[in-house]
Amino acid sequence: MKITGMRLGFQLVCCLLLLSESFWKVSAGFLSKRKVRIKSIKFADCGTSADPVRVVDLQVSTSEAPTEENEDLGGDLVISGKITSSIKLNAPIKAEVQMQRKMLGVWMHVFCIKKFGSCDFNDVCAMAPSDGYCPPLLEEHDIPCSCPIEPGTYNLPIAQFKVKGTRWAGIMAGTYRGTVRFKGKDGKQIACVAANFQLD
């Protein structure tokens, strides 16, 4: 009973410190809506040899803050990578995200809030634009924007995508780790990606 009580007490203290840290961050910059920036990130393929989809290479960062020579607002996603698939990918494709945040040296579970954290997405194919729009850069390199996706190797050169700012940026800043497991209609895993990253 004493050990259980100590664990609960420790978790409560961690939660209170997280809330107080978030409160001051939000109070300091609540009125300044900004984009979340990726300070560092490392990916790894956490799939098995039986997975039909492999992440050969993946690089993700955010664009730099504006300078006199660069008028970019900063914080937009910059992505490049190489992915291979040995099967045709049909909807629905489920994504299961498990995420943890490091607080006082302890990894703590991040609950799903506004599609950030340990969230489940029943069909990532449904996230494609309903009007069929596909960025020209993806079309130029024969990268599909919607399902089904034919078997093959897909190479994405360095591409920049605009993202919106948020008042949650101060709360989201921190060190994280997580995994994303993709599953087909039959429930079998088709791919897995692990990441360690730091947001600013």
C-alpha atoms as a PDB file:
ATOM      1  CA  MET A   1       0.000   0.000   0.000  1.00  0.00           C
ATOM      2  CA  LYS A   2       2.850   2.417   0.808  1.00  0.00           C
ATOM      3  CA  ILE A   3       4.534   1.759  -2.557  1.00  0.00           C
ATOM      4  CA  THR A   4       1.253   2.282  -4.427  1.00  0.00           C
ATOM      5  CA  GLY A   5       0.629   5.500  -2.516  1.00  0.00           C
ATOM      6  CA  MET A   6       4.121   6.783  -3.298  1.00  0.00           C
ATOM      7  CA  ARG A   7       3.631   6.060  -7.025  1.00  0.00           C
ATOM      8  CA  LEU A   8       0.286   7.831  -7.095  1.00  0.00           C
ATOM      9  CA  GLY A   9       1.776  10.772  -5.220  1.00  0.00           C
ATOM     10  CA  PHE A  10       4.706  10.988  -7.625  1.00  0.00           C
ATOM     11  CA  GLN A  11       2.366  10.884 -10.645  1.00  0.00           C
ATOM     12  CA  LEU A  12       0.210  13.608  -9.083  1.00  0.00           C
ATOM     13  CA  VAL A  13       3.248  15.849  -8.514  1.00  0.00           C
ATOM     14  CA  CYS A  14       4.367  15.314 -12.122  1.00  0.00           C
ATOM     15  CA  CYS A  15       0.903  16.232 -13.386  1.00  0.00           C
ATOM     16  CA  LEU A  16       0.811  19.380 -11.268  1.00  0.00           C
ATOM     17  CA  LEU A  17       4.251  20.436 -12.485  1.00  0.00           C
ATOM     18  CA  LEU A  18       3.186  19.796 -16.090  1.00  0.00           C
ATOM     19  CA  LEU A  19       0.083  21.934 -15.581  1.00  0.00           C
ATOM     20  CA  SER A  20       1.994  24.741 -13.893  1.00  0.00           C
ATOM     21  CA  GLU A  21       4.684  24.711 -16.600  1.00  0.00           C
ATOM     22  CA  SER A  22       2.015  24.790 -19.305  1.00  0.00           C
ATOM     23  CA  PHE A  23       0.125  27.568 -17.507  1.00  0.00           C
ATOM     24  CA  TRP A  24       3.114  29.908 -17.454  1.00  0.00           C
ATOM     25  CA  LYS A  25       3.991  29.150 -21.063  1.00  0.00           C
ATOM     26  CA  VAL A  26       0.449  29.863 -22.174  1.00  0.00           C
ATOM     27  CA  SER A  27       0.208  32.991 -20.010  1.00  0.00           C
ATOM     28  CA  ALA A  28       3.451  34.347 -21.460  1.00  0.00           C
ATOM     29  CA  GLY A  29       2.494  33.856 -25.096  1.00  0.00           C
ATOM     30  CA  PHE A  30      -1.240  33.248 -25.180  1.00  0.00           C
ATOM     31  CA  LEU A  31      -1.969  36.149 -27.507  1.00  0.00           C
ATOM     32  CA  SER A  32       0.838  35.242 -29.923  1.00  0.00           C
ATOM     33  CA  LYS A  33      -0.482  32.489 -32.141  1.00  0.00           C
ATOM     34  CA  ARG A  34       2.486  30.702 -33.731  1.00  0.00           C
ATOM     35  CA  LYS A  35       3.528  27.512 -35.454  1.00  0.00           C
ATOM     36  CA  VAL A  36       5.034  24.572 -33.602  1.00  0.00           C
ATOM     37  CA  ARG A  37       8.651  24.044 -34.672  1.00  0.00           C
ATOM     38  CA  ILE A  38      10.565  20.772 -34.760  1.00  0.00           C
ATOM     39  CA  LYS A  39      13.883  21.263 -32.961  1.00  0.00           C
ATOM     40  CA  SER A  40      15.120  17.734 -33.677  1.00  0.00           C
ATOM     41  CA  ILE A  41      13.655  14.416 -34.852  1.00  0.00           C
ATOM     42  CA  LYS A  42      14.911  10.902 -35.563  1.00  0.00           C
ATOM     43  CA  PHE A  43      12.916   8.156 -37.285  1.00  0.00           C
ATOM     44  CA  ALA A  44      13.260   4.372 -37.295  1.00  0.00           C
ATOM     45  CA  ASP A  45      11.347   1.598 -39.029  1.00  0.00           C
ATOM     46  CA  CYS A  46       9.844  -0.483 -36.202  1.00  0.00           C
ATOM     47  CA  GLY A  47       8.097  -2.951 -38.501  1.00  0.00           C
ATOM     48  CA  THR A  48       8.773  -6.666 -38.945  1.00  0.00           C
ATOM     49  CA  SER A  49      10.083  -8.502 -41.996  1.00  0.00           C
ATOM     50  CA  ALA A  50       6.489  -9.470 -42.773  1.00  0.00           C
ATOM     51  CA  ASP A  51       5.315  -5.860 -43.132  1.00  0.00           C
ATOM     52  CA  PRO A  52       4.612  -5.016 -46.800  1.00  0.00           C
ATOM     53  CA  VAL A  53       5.402  -1.309 -46.397  1.00  0.00           C
ATOM     54  CA  ARG A  54       8.889  -0.161 -45.445  1.00  0.00           C
ATOM     55  CA  VAL A  55      10.087   3.324 -44.568  1.00  0.00           C
ATOM     56  CA  VAL A  56      13.528   3.358 -46.191  1.00  0.00           C
ATOM     57  CA  ASP A  57      14.255   6.986 -45.390  1.00  0.00           C
ATOM     58  CA  LEU A  58      12.283   9.839 -43.848  1.00  0.00           C
ATOM     59  CA  GLN A  59      13.424  13.373 -43.047  1.00  0.00           C
ATOM     60  CA  VAL A  60      11.096  15.906 -41.406  1.00  0.00           C
ATOM     61  CA  SER A  61      11.885  19.408 -40.165  1.00  0.00           C
ATOM     62  CA  THR A  62      10.350  22.862 -40.020  1.00  0.00           C
ATOM     63  CA  SER A  63      11.336  25.870 -42.082  1.00  0.00           C
ATOM     64  CA  GLU A  64      13.510  28.511 -40.448  1.00  0.00           C
ATOM     65  CA  ALA A  65      12.310  31.756 -38.905  1.00  0.00           C
ATOM     66  CA  PRO A  66      12.166  34.766 -41.273  1.00  0.00           C
ATOM     67  CA  THR A  67      15.279  36.808 -42.054  1.00  0.00           C
ATOM     68  CA  GLU A  68      15.976  39.763 -44.335  1.00  0.00           C
ATOM     69  CA  GLU A  69      16.867  37.342 -47.127  1.00  0.00           C
ATOM     70  CA  ASN A  70      14.087  34.858 -46.337  1.00  0.00           C
ATOM     71  CA  GLU A  71      10.502  36.061 -46.013  1.00  0.00           C
ATOM     72  CA  ASP A  72       9.184  32.630 -45.074  1.00  0.00           C
ATOM     73  CA  LEU A  73       7.116  32.821 -41.878  1.00  0.00           C
ATOM     74  CA  GLY A  74       8.921  29.772 -40.493  1.00  0.00           C
ATOM     75  CA  GLY A  75       7.413  26.651 -38.952  1.00  0.00           C
ATOM     76  CA  ASP A  76       6.105  25.070 -42.165  1.00  0.00           C
ATOM     77  CA  LEU A  77       6.765  21.332 -42.613  1.00  0.00           C
ATOM     78  CA  VAL A  78       9.732  20.310 -44.772  1.00  0.00           C
ATOM     79  CA  ILE A  79       9.555  16.627 -45.753  1.00  0.00           C
ATOM     80  CA  SER A  80      11.587  14.215 -47.876  1.00  0.00           C
ATOM     81  CA  GLY A  81      11.839  10.435 -47.935  1.00  0.00           C
ATOM     82  CA  LYS A  82      11.570   7.066 -49.606  1.00  0.00           C
ATOM     83  CA  ILE A  83       8.858   4.461 -48.980  1.00  0.00           C
ATOM     84  CA  THR A  84       8.318   1.069 -50.610  1.00  0.00           C
ATOM     85  CA  SER A  85       5.186  -1.086 -50.747  1.00  0.00           C
ATOM     86  CA  SER A  86       4.919  -4.661 -52.013  1.00  0.00           C
ATOM     87  CA  ILE A  87       1.100  -4.667 -52.032  1.00  0.00           C
ATOM     88  CA  LYS A  88      -1.755  -2.479 -53.224  1.00  0.00           C
ATOM     89  CA  LEU A  89      -2.948  -0.311 -50.334  1.00  0.00           C
ATOM     90  CA  ASN A  90      -6.710  -0.010 -50.107  1.00  0.00           C
ATOM     91  CA  ALA A  91      -8.915   1.908 -47.673  1.00  0.00           C
ATOM     92  CA  PRO A  92      -9.417   1.742 -44.794  1.00  0.00           C
ATOM     93  CA  ILE A  93      -5.914   2.035 -43.352  1.00  0.00           C
ATOM     94  CA  LYS A  94      -5.920   2.511 -39.584  1.00  0.00           C
ATOM     95  CA  ALA A  95      -3.170   4.399 -37.759  1.00  0.00           C
ATOM     96  CA  GLU A  96      -2.562   3.761 -34.058  1.00  0.00           C
ATOM     97  CA  VAL A  97      -0.375   6.384 -32.388  1.00  0.00           C
ATOM     98  CA  GLN A  98       1.287   5.875 -29.013  1.00  0.00           C
ATOM     99  CA  MET A  99       3.126   8.905 -27.633  1.00  0.00           C
ATOM    100  CA  GLN A 100       5.032   9.769 -24.462  1.00  0.00           C
ATOM    101  CA  ARG A 101       6.503  13.010 -23.176  1.00  0.00           C
ATOM    102  CA  LYS A 102       9.541  13.299 -20.917  1.00  0.00           C
ATOM    103  CA  MET A 103       8.829  15.137 -17.669  1.00  0.00           C
ATOM    104  CA  LEU A 104      11.407  15.378 -14.861  1.00  0.00           C
ATOM    105  CA  GLY A 105      13.277  12.457 -16.413  1.00  0.00           C
ATOM    106  CA  VAL A 106      10.169  10.249 -16.531  1.00  0.00           C
ATOM    107  CA  TRP A 107       8.293   9.230 -19.702  1.00  0.00           C
ATOM    108  CA  MET A 108       4.586   9.991 -19.305  1.00  0.00           C
ATOM    109  CA  HIS A 109       1.670   8.974 -21.529  1.00  0.00           C
ATOM    110  CA  VAL A 110       0.312  11.755 -23.775  1.00  0.00           C
ATOM    111  CA  PHE A 111      -3.456  11.603 -24.116  1.00  0.00           C
ATOM    112  CA  CYS A 112      -5.149  12.402 -27.414  1.00  0.00           C
ATOM    113  CA  ILE A 113      -6.127  16.092 -27.561  1.00  0.00           C
ATOM    114  CA  LYS A 114      -7.099  17.796 -30.809  1.00  0.00           C
ATOM    115  CA  LYS A 115      -5.613  14.925 -32.855  1.00  0.00           C
ATOM    116  CA  PHE A 116      -2.235  15.262 -31.077  1.00  0.00           C
ATOM    117  CA  GLY A 117      -0.923  12.549 -28.778  1.00  0.00           C
ATOM    118  CA  SER A 118      -1.883   8.890 -28.445  1.00  0.00           C
ATOM    119  CA  CYS A 119      -4.691   8.946 -30.989  1.00  0.00           C
ATOM    120  CA  ASP A 120      -6.288   6.322 -33.219  1.00  0.00           C
ATOM    121  CA  PHE A 121      -7.262   7.267 -36.774  1.00  0.00           C
ATOM    122  CA  ASN A 122      -9.729   4.817 -38.296  1.00  0.00           C
ATOM    123  CA  ASP A 123      -8.804   5.603 -41.896  1.00  0.00           C
ATOM    124  CA  VAL A 124      -5.872   7.797 -42.973  1.00  0.00           C
ATOM    125  CA  CYS A 125      -7.130   7.472 -46.553  1.00  0.00           C
ATOM    126  CA  ALA A 126     -10.137   9.587 -45.530  1.00  0.00           C
ATOM    127  CA  MET A 127      -7.759  12.479 -44.750  1.00  0.00           C
ATOM    128  CA  ALA A 128      -7.149  13.042 -48.460  1.00  0.00           C
ATOM    129  CA  PRO A 129      -8.826  16.173 -49.942  1.00  0.00           C
ATOM    130  CA  SER A 130     -12.403  15.384 -50.935  1.00  0.00           C
ATOM    131  CA  ASP A 131     -12.076  17.484 -54.108  1.00  0.00           C
ATOM    132  CA  GLY A 132      -9.269  15.268 -55.409  1.00  0.00           C
ATOM    133  CA  TYR A 133      -6.635  18.015 -55.196  1.00  0.00           C
ATOM    134  CA  CYS A 134      -3.008  16.856 -55.131  1.00  0.00           C
ATOM    135  CA  PRO A 135      -0.005  19.213 -54.776  1.00  0.00           C
ATOM    136  CA  PRO A 136       1.829  19.580 -58.116  1.00  0.00           C
ATOM    137  CA  LEU A 137       5.133  18.431 -56.577  1.00  0.00           C
ATOM    138  CA  LEU A 138       3.605  15.079 -55.623  1.00  0.00           C
ATOM    139  CA  GLU A 139       2.017  14.652 -59.041  1.00  0.00           C
ATOM    140  CA  GLU A 140       5.352  15.385 -60.730  1.00  0.00           C
ATOM    141  CA  HIS A 141       6.946  12.477 -58.856  1.00  0.00           C
ATOM    142  CA  ASP A 142       3.986  10.096 -59.286  1.00  0.00           C
ATOM    143  CA  ILE A 143       3.188  10.084 -55.573  1.00  0.00           C
ATOM    144  CA  PRO A 144      -0.535   9.383 -55.009  1.00  0.00           C
ATOM    145  CA  CYS A 145      -2.566  11.628 -52.723  1.00  0.00           C
ATOM    146  CA  SER A 146      -5.406   9.165 -52.189  1.00  0.00           C
ATOM    147  CA  CYS A 147      -6.111   5.455 -51.885  1.00  0.00           C
ATOM    148  CA  PRO A 148      -5.757   2.959 -53.453  1.00  0.00           C
ATOM    149  CA  ILE A 149      -1.969   3.149 -53.700  1.00  0.00           C
ATOM    150  CA  GLU A 150      -0.273   0.815 -56.161  1.00  0.00           C
ATOM    151  CA  PRO A 151       2.769  -1.299 -55.185  1.00  0.00           C
ATOM    152  CA  GLY A 152       6.100   0.381 -55.841  1.00  0.00           C
ATOM    153  CA  THR A 153       8.811   2.689 -54.581  1.00  0.00           C
ATOM    154  CA  TYR A 154       7.937   6.305 -53.889  1.00  0.00           C
ATOM    155  CA  ASN A 155      10.637   8.972 -53.618  1.00  0.00           C
ATOM    156  CA  LEU A 156       9.699  12.381 -52.286  1.00  0.00           C
ATOM    157  CA  PRO A 157      12.259  15.158 -52.808  1.00  0.00           C
ATOM    158  CA  ILE A 158      12.471  18.025 -50.329  1.00  0.00           C
ATOM    159  CA  ALA A 159       8.998  19.526 -50.208  1.00  0.00           C
ATOM    160  CA  GLN A 160       7.515  22.262 -48.033  1.00  0.00           C
ATOM    161  CA  PHE A 161       3.914  22.253 -46.826  1.00  0.00           C
ATOM    162  CA  LYS A 162       2.189  25.140 -45.075  1.00  0.00           C
ATOM    163  CA  VAL A 163       0.778  24.587 -41.591  1.00  0.00           C
ATOM    164  CA  LYS A 164      -1.394  26.774 -39.385  1.00  0.00           C
ATOM    165  CA  GLY A 165      -0.302  28.444 -36.176  1.00  0.00           C
ATOM    166  CA  THR A 166      -1.781  27.524 -32.805  1.00  0.00           C
ATOM    167  CA  ARG A 167      -2.007  28.956 -29.289  1.00  0.00           C
ATOM    168  CA  TRP A 168      -1.169  25.451 -28.027  1.00  0.00           C
ATOM    169  CA  ALA A 169       2.453  25.800 -29.225  1.00  0.00           C
ATOM    170  CA  GLY A 170       3.762  26.670 -25.738  1.00  0.00           C
ATOM    171  CA  ILE A 171       2.079  23.631 -24.199  1.00  0.00           C
ATOM    172  CA  MET A 172       3.313  21.287 -26.928  1.00  0.00           C
ATOM    173  CA  ALA A 173       6.985  22.288 -26.556  1.00  0.00           C
ATOM    174  CA  GLY A 174       9.017  19.429 -25.074  1.00  0.00           C
ATOM    175  CA  THR A 175      10.736  16.076 -25.680  1.00  0.00           C
ATOM    176  CA  TYR A 176       8.682  13.166 -27.040  1.00  0.00           C
ATOM    177  CA  ARG A 177       8.898   9.624 -28.316  1.00  0.00           C
ATOM    178  CA  GLY A 178       6.272   7.543 -30.048  1.00  0.00           C
ATOM    179  CA  THR A 179       5.265   4.927 -32.571  1.00  0.00           C
ATOM    180  CA  VAL A 180       2.713   4.854 -35.373  1.00  0.00           C
ATOM    181  CA  ARG A 181       1.388   1.446 -36.421  1.00  0.00           C
ATOM    182  CA  PHE A 182      -0.549   1.194 -39.679  1.00  0.00           C
ATOM    183  CA  LYS A 183      -3.053  -1.643 -40.094  1.00  0.00           C
ATOM    184  CA  GLY A 184      -5.123  -2.875 -43.012  1.00  0.00           C
ATOM    185  CA  LYS A 185      -8.799  -3.820 -43.151  1.00  0.00           C
ATOM    186  CA  ASP A 186      -7.989  -7.301 -41.805  1.00  0.00           C
ATOM    187  CA  GLY A 187      -6.280  -5.804 -38.731  1.00  0.00           C
ATOM    188  CA  LYS A 188      -2.798  -6.961 -39.750  1.00  0.00           C
ATOM    189  CA  GLN A 189       0.087  -4.521 -39.432  1.00  0.00           C
ATOM    190  CA  ILE A 190       1.363  -3.181 -42.737  1.00  0.00           C
ATOM    191  CA  ALA A 191       3.947  -0.681 -41.428  1.00  0.00           C
ATOM    192  CA  CYS A 192       5.413   0.807 -38.259  1.00  0.00           C
ATOM    193  CA  VAL A 193       7.372   4.026 -37.726  1.00  0.00           C
ATOM    194  CA  ALA A 194       9.046   5.094 -34.464  1.00  0.00           C
ATOM    195  CA  ALA A 195      10.254   8.601 -33.681  1.00  0.00           C
ATOM    196  CA  ASN A 196      12.105  10.577 -31.032  1.00  0.00           C
ATOM    197  CA  PHE A 197      11.579  14.303 -31.368  1.00  0.00           C
ATOM    198  CA  GLN A 198      11.751  17.649 -29.650  1.00  0.00           C
ATOM    199  CA  LEU A 199       9.256  20.456 -30.249  1.00  0.00           C
ATOM    200  CA  ASP A 200       9.886  24.146 -29.643  1.00  0.00           C
END
